[in-house]
Amino acid sequence: MKPPATRQLYIAGSLDDALDAYQRFGDTAEFFAGGTWIMRADHREEFDPRSYVAIAHLDGMTKVDVTEDRVEIGACVTHAKLAQAIAGLPDLAGLNRAAASSANPAIRSMATVGGNICAAAFAAPDLVPALLCLGATVETAVKDERRTMLLNEFLAVRCSPPTGIVTKVVVPRHHERRSAHARLPLKKAGDYPVAIVSVAIQFDADGTIANPRIFVGSVENVARRWVALEQAVTRLPVDPESIAARSATVCGDFRGRDGVEAPGWYRVKVLPALVRLAFESLLTNNMGA
């Protein structure tokens, strides 16, 4: 086994300074915030030298601003802080659940929103499918320029150097929307989820489902939208058992990834059970509104 990687830490004085340092360190550079993914690099046998550029202390990076029409989340906001900031908001219940139930309390107090969406090699981030359901956008800084893109667009380019530094994630609010998040770990704490189902819906005047957005995480390498199930449940009443049964008929387009914690076929097999749990939560959230 190779020895641990040679590492250095640079504490940036500003966003521009961080971008300059990232360019200066070249292929060894990596932005550093909570460090929960970085700290396991040796376990993943990643032994190359790394130059970490610390950014969590920079202005605005740990701020959560909740208004009537949006939530602005600094990239270095922890899961625990996010969960606390949006607790009790029915339209954001799925994101609250994703932030409050990921990993374990120690990790939630350190792991950041930006790290969760930037770790391209991590296939099981809880926040990604929950944010995708809510139509989140990502703001990045590239020198003096700010760029904004939808989260799904960001996920496609997040390994590209021009992406810059993620500064915030913005979630639009729709007060008539209800959301939920269901995950299956193999043990209660400290485990990556085998599969994730995040759901956001509105209700038509007759109480049936309108504008569903359903995303699946951890089953494949990147979270993706479950369009077939969205089409199958539109204009139906929220009946968790019947919706779970319908989901079992449209699982065929998923190709589960094999991993040490679960084989790919099992990740796909548990999806209907998670769909049922998610829609049960939607009913609870709606009745509590």
Protein backbone atom coordinates (compact mmCIF):
# COMPACT_ATOMS: atom_id res chain seq x y z
CA MET A 1 0.00 0.00 0.00
CA LYS A 2 1.23 3.48 -0.84
CA PRO A 3 1.89 5.97 1.98
CA PRO A 4 -0.72 8.70 2.67
CA ALA A 5 -0.83 11.51 0.14
CA THR A 6 1.25 14.64 0.62
CA ARG A 7 -1.18 17.42 1.44
CA GLN A 8 -1.08 21.15 2.00
CA LEU A 9 -3.77 23.62 3.07
CA TYR A 10 -4.12 27.16 1.73
CA ILE A 11 -6.58 29.51 3.49
CA ALA A 12 -7.99 31.84 0.87
CA GLY A 13 -8.54 35.51 1.68
CA SER A 14 -11.30 36.04 -0.90
CA LEU A 15 -13.09 34.29 -3.73
CA ASP A 16 -10.62 35.72 -6.22
CA ASP A 17 -7.73 34.57 -4.05
CA ALA A 18 -9.25 31.08 -3.89
CA LEU A 19 -9.63 30.94 -7.67
CA ASP A 20 -6.06 32.14 -8.16
CA ALA A 21 -4.75 29.51 -5.73
CA TYR A 22 -6.77 26.80 -7.44
CA GLN A 23 -5.18 27.71 -10.77
CA ARG A 24 -1.73 28.03 -9.23
CA PHE A 25 -1.84 24.58 -7.62
CA GLY A 26 -2.92 23.00 -10.89
CA ASP A 27 -3.86 19.34 -10.95
CA THR A 28 -3.34 18.94 -7.19
CA ALA A 29 -5.93 21.61 -6.28
CA GLU A 30 -9.21 20.96 -4.50
CA PHE A 31 -11.56 23.30 -2.65
CA PHE A 32 -11.98 22.51 1.04
CA ALA A 33 -15.01 23.18 3.24
CA GLY A 34 -16.42 20.48 5.54
CA GLY A 35 -13.85 17.89 4.48
CA THR A 36 -16.06 14.82 5.07
CA TRP A 37 -15.37 13.43 1.59
CA ILE A 38 -11.73 14.42 1.62
CA MET A 39 -11.00 12.76 4.95
CA ARG A 40 -11.80 9.34 3.48
CA ALA A 41 -9.45 9.73 0.52
CA ASP A 42 -6.95 7.21 1.92
CA HIS A 43 -9.73 4.64 2.37
CA ARG A 44 -10.54 5.08 -1.31
CA GLU A 45 -6.81 4.60 -2.03
CA GLU A 46 -6.50 8.11 -3.42
CA PHE A 47 -2.82 8.75 -2.65
CA ASP A 48 -1.95 11.52 -5.10
CA PRO A 49 -0.65 14.82 -3.64
CA ARG A 50 -3.41 17.33 -2.93
CA SER A 51 -3.46 21.09 -2.34
CA TYR A 52 -6.58 22.11 -0.44
CA VAL A 53 -7.94 25.66 -0.77
CA ALA A 54 -10.08 26.51 2.28
CA ILE A 55 -13.20 28.58 1.48
CA ALA A 56 -15.72 27.96 4.28
CA HIS A 57 -14.79 31.17 6.13
CA LEU A 58 -15.45 33.47 3.16
CA ASP A 59 -18.33 35.98 3.29
CA GLY A 60 -21.79 34.53 2.75
CA MET A 61 -20.66 30.93 2.39
CA THR A 62 -22.36 29.75 5.61
CA LYS A 63 -25.53 31.84 5.42
CA VAL A 64 -29.09 30.58 4.90
CA ASP A 65 -31.65 33.21 3.86
CA VAL A 66 -35.28 32.01 3.90
CA THR A 67 -37.89 34.29 2.32
CA GLU A 68 -41.44 33.82 1.06
CA ASP A 69 -40.33 33.12 -2.49
CA ARG A 70 -36.91 31.48 -2.20
CA VAL A 71 -34.21 29.98 -0.01
CA GLU A 72 -30.61 31.01 -0.63
CA ILE A 73 -28.14 28.51 0.82
CA GLY A 74 -24.44 29.31 1.06
CA ALA A 75 -22.28 26.58 -0.39
CA CYS A 76 -20.60 25.91 2.98
CA VAL A 77 -23.82 25.61 4.98
CA THR A 78 -23.83 22.28 6.79
CA HIS A 79 -26.58 19.71 6.51
CA ALA A 80 -27.48 20.29 10.16
CA LYS A 81 -27.76 24.07 9.74
CA LEU A 82 -29.87 23.70 6.59
CA ALA A 83 -32.25 21.27 8.31
CA GLN A 84 -32.70 23.67 11.21
CA ALA A 85 -33.26 26.70 8.96
CA ILE A 86 -36.11 25.14 6.94
CA ALA A 87 -37.75 23.00 9.63
CA GLY A 88 -41.55 23.20 9.65
CA LEU A 89 -41.94 24.43 6.05
CA PRO A 90 -44.22 21.93 4.22
CA ASP A 91 -43.04 22.87 0.72
CA LEU A 92 -39.44 22.12 1.78
CA ALA A 93 -40.16 19.04 3.89
CA GLY A 94 -38.31 16.75 1.49
CA LEU A 95 -35.16 18.86 1.58
CA ASN A 96 -35.41 19.12 5.36
CA ARG A 97 -35.64 15.34 5.62
CA ALA A 98 -32.69 14.88 3.26
CA ALA A 99 -30.51 17.23 5.29
CA ALA A 100 -31.65 15.96 8.70
CA SER A 101 -31.30 12.23 8.00
CA SER A 102 -28.10 11.94 5.97
CA ALA A 103 -25.16 10.00 7.41
CA ASN A 104 -24.95 10.62 11.19
CA PRO A 105 -25.03 13.67 13.50
CA ALA A 106 -21.26 14.18 13.44
CA ILE A 107 -21.12 14.17 9.64
CA ARG A 108 -24.23 16.36 9.35
CA SER A 109 -22.53 19.00 11.48
CA MET A 110 -19.57 19.14 9.07
CA ALA A 111 -20.73 18.08 5.59
CA THR A 112 -21.70 21.03 3.37
CA VAL A 113 -24.30 21.62 0.71
CA GLY A 114 -21.63 22.56 -1.83
CA GLY A 115 -19.59 19.47 -1.06
CA ASN A 116 -22.64 17.27 -1.45
CA ILE A 117 -23.36 18.50 -4.97
CA CYS A 118 -19.72 18.80 -6.07
CA ALA A 119 -18.42 15.33 -5.14
CA ALA A 120 -18.78 13.72 -8.55
CA ALA A 121 -17.39 10.39 -7.34
CA PHE A 122 -20.02 10.16 -4.59
CA ALA A 123 -23.09 8.39 -5.99
CA ALA A 124 -25.29 8.59 -2.87
CA PRO A 125 -25.72 12.26 -1.87
CA ASP A 126 -29.04 12.84 -0.11
CA LEU A 127 -29.34 16.52 -0.98
CA VAL A 128 -29.00 16.14 -4.75
CA PRO A 129 -32.32 14.37 -5.55
CA ALA A 130 -34.15 16.53 -2.98
CA LEU A 131 -32.81 19.73 -4.54
CA LEU A 132 -33.50 18.50 -8.08
CA CYS A 133 -37.14 17.94 -7.13
CA LEU A 134 -37.43 21.54 -6.04
CA GLY A 135 -35.90 23.03 -9.20
CA ALA A 136 -32.79 24.34 -7.45
CA THR A 137 -30.23 26.50 -9.20
CA VAL A 138 -26.50 26.78 -8.50
CA GLU A 139 -24.49 30.00 -8.45
CA THR A 140 -20.77 29.80 -9.18
CA ALA A 141 -18.01 32.40 -9.11
CA VAL A 142 -15.44 32.57 -11.89
CA LYS A 143 -13.21 35.56 -11.15
CA ASP A 144 -15.46 38.65 -11.21
CA GLU A 145 -18.28 36.83 -12.94
CA ARG A 146 -21.24 35.07 -11.33
CA ARG A 147 -22.91 32.28 -13.24
CA THR A 148 -26.25 30.62 -12.50
CA MET A 149 -27.45 27.30 -13.86
CA LEU A 150 -30.00 24.66 -12.99
CA LEU A 151 -28.66 21.97 -10.70
CA ASN A 152 -29.04 19.24 -13.31
CA GLU A 153 -26.96 21.36 -15.71
CA PHE A 154 -24.33 21.89 -13.03
CA LEU A 155 -24.07 18.15 -12.34
CA ALA A 156 -23.11 17.60 -15.97
CA VAL A 157 -20.17 20.03 -15.85
CA ARG A 158 -19.10 20.03 -12.19
CA CYS A 159 -15.70 18.46 -12.93
CA SER A 160 -14.80 21.11 -15.52
CA PRO A 161 -12.27 23.76 -14.38
CA PRO A 162 -14.35 26.70 -15.74
CA THR A 163 -17.10 25.80 -13.27
CA GLY A 164 -15.29 27.85 -10.61
CA ILE A 165 -16.39 27.97 -6.97
CA VAL A 166 -19.95 27.14 -5.98
CA THR A 167 -21.11 30.09 -3.85
CA LYS A 168 -24.76 29.29 -3.22
CA VAL A 169 -27.72 27.09 -4.05
CA VAL A 170 -31.09 28.78 -4.57
CA VAL A 171 -34.38 26.93 -4.08
CA PRO A 172 -37.56 28.59 -5.41
CA ARG A 173 -40.53 28.27 -3.08
CA HIS A 174 -44.07 27.30 -4.13
CA HIS A 175 -46.31 27.27 -1.09
CA GLU A 176 -48.87 24.99 -2.74
CA ARG A 177 -46.16 22.37 -3.30
CA ARG A 178 -45.50 19.45 -0.95
CA SER A 179 -42.30 17.42 -0.96
CA ALA A 180 -40.90 14.29 0.65
CA HIS A 181 -37.70 12.27 0.78
CA ALA A 182 -37.28 8.56 1.49
CA ARG A 183 -33.98 6.69 1.82
CA LEU A 184 -32.90 3.14 2.63
CA PRO A 185 -29.68 2.68 4.60
CA LEU A 186 -28.55 -0.78 5.65
CA LYS A 187 -28.11 0.41 9.22
CA LYS A 188 -29.58 3.30 11.19
CA ALA A 189 -26.60 5.67 11.24
CA GLY A 190 -23.39 6.29 9.38
CA ASP A 191 -24.38 4.38 6.25
CA TYR A 192 -24.70 5.52 2.67
CA PRO A 193 -28.23 5.01 1.35
CA VAL A 194 -28.84 2.04 -0.92
CA ALA A 195 -31.51 4.02 -2.76
CA ILE A 196 -33.27 7.39 -2.46
CA VAL A 197 -36.63 8.64 -3.74
CA SER A 198 -37.42 12.36 -3.59
CA VAL A 199 -40.85 13.64 -4.57
CA ALA A 200 -42.47 17.05 -5.05
CA ILE A 201 -46.09 17.50 -6.12
CA GLN A 202 -48.95 19.97 -6.17
CA PHE A 203 -52.63 19.14 -5.81
CA ASP A 204 -55.38 19.82 -8.32
CA ALA A 205 -58.69 21.23 -7.11
CA ASP A 206 -60.07 17.70 -6.84
CA GLY A 207 -57.16 16.59 -4.65
CA THR A 208 -55.35 14.60 -7.33
CA ILE A 209 -51.65 14.87 -8.16
CA ALA A 210 -50.45 17.72 -10.37
CA ASN A 211 -46.97 18.64 -11.62
CA PRO A 212 -45.11 15.73 -10.02
CA ARG A 213 -41.32 15.77 -9.92
CA ILE A 214 -39.72 12.50 -8.84
CA PHE A 215 -35.97 11.88 -8.64
CA VAL A 216 -34.06 8.74 -7.74
CA GLY A 217 -30.64 8.83 -6.12
CA SER A 218 -27.94 6.28 -5.25
CA VAL A 219 -29.36 3.65 -7.61
CA GLU A 220 -27.21 4.81 -10.52
CA ASN A 221 -24.02 6.89 -10.50
CA VAL A 222 -25.93 10.18 -10.77
CA ALA A 223 -29.42 11.04 -9.51
CA ARG A 224 -31.99 11.28 -12.27
CA ARG A 225 -35.62 12.06 -12.91
CA TRP A 226 -38.19 9.26 -12.97
CA VAL A 227 -40.31 10.55 -15.84
CA ALA A 228 -42.23 7.29 -16.34
CA LEU A 229 -43.52 7.35 -12.77
CA GLU A 230 -44.39 11.05 -12.99
CA GLN A 231 -46.55 10.29 -16.01
CA ALA A 232 -48.09 7.29 -14.29
CA VAL A 233 -49.23 9.21 -11.19
CA THR A 234 -50.42 12.49 -12.73
CA ARG A 235 -54.12 13.11 -11.97
CA LEU A 236 -54.26 10.19 -9.51
CA PRO A 237 -55.22 10.49 -5.85
CA VAL A 238 -52.36 10.19 -3.37
CA ASP A 239 -52.76 6.53 -2.51
CA PRO A 240 -49.29 5.32 -1.43
CA GLU A 241 -50.02 1.62 -1.94
CA SER A 242 -51.41 1.92 -5.46
CA ILE A 243 -48.68 4.38 -6.48
CA ALA A 244 -46.03 1.99 -5.16
CA ALA A 245 -47.62 -0.79 -7.22
CA ARG A 246 -47.51 1.40 -10.32
CA SER A 247 -43.87 2.23 -9.66
CA ALA A 248 -43.00 -1.47 -9.68
CA THR A 249 -44.13 -1.63 -13.31
CA VAL A 250 -41.87 1.23 -14.47
CA CYS A 251 -38.58 0.36 -12.74
CA GLY A 252 -37.17 -1.32 -15.81
CA ASP A 253 -35.23 1.64 -17.17
CA PHE A 254 -32.97 1.83 -14.09
CA ARG A 255 -29.63 0.03 -14.18
CA GLY A 256 -28.54 -0.28 -10.59
CA ARG A 257 -24.86 0.17 -9.76
CA ASP A 258 -23.06 -2.57 -7.86
CA GLY A 259 -21.35 -1.50 -4.64
CA VAL A 260 -19.90 -2.93 -1.46
CA GLU A 261 -23.10 -2.11 0.43
CA ALA A 262 -25.59 -3.51 -2.11
CA PRO A 263 -25.78 -5.05 -5.59
CA GLY A 264 -27.40 -3.10 -8.38
CA TRP A 265 -30.47 -5.32 -8.68
CA TYR A 266 -31.32 -4.77 -5.01
CA ARG A 267 -31.19 -0.97 -5.38
CA VAL A 268 -33.84 -1.19 -8.10
CA LYS A 269 -35.91 -3.76 -6.20
CA VAL A 270 -36.41 -1.50 -3.16
CA LEU A 271 -37.65 1.50 -5.16
CA PRO A 272 -41.39 0.70 -4.83
CA ALA A 273 -41.07 0.50 -1.04
CA LEU A 274 -39.37 3.90 -0.99
CA VAL A 275 -42.02 5.34 -3.29
CA ARG A 276 -44.68 4.20 -0.81
CA LEU A 277 -42.81 5.80 2.10
CA ALA A 278 -42.35 9.05 0.22
CA PHE A 279 -46.03 9.35 -0.70
CA GLU A 280 -47.06 8.47 2.84
CA SER A 281 -44.92 11.42 3.97
CA LEU A 282 -46.60 13.65 1.38
CA LEU A 283 -49.99 12.84 2.88
CA THR A 284 -48.70 13.68 6.35
CA ASN A 285 -47.16 16.93 5.17
CA ASN A 286 -50.35 17.97 3.41
CA MET A 287 -52.58 17.24 6.38
CA GLY A 288 -50.24 19.22 8.61
CA ALA A 289 -50.34 22.31 6.39
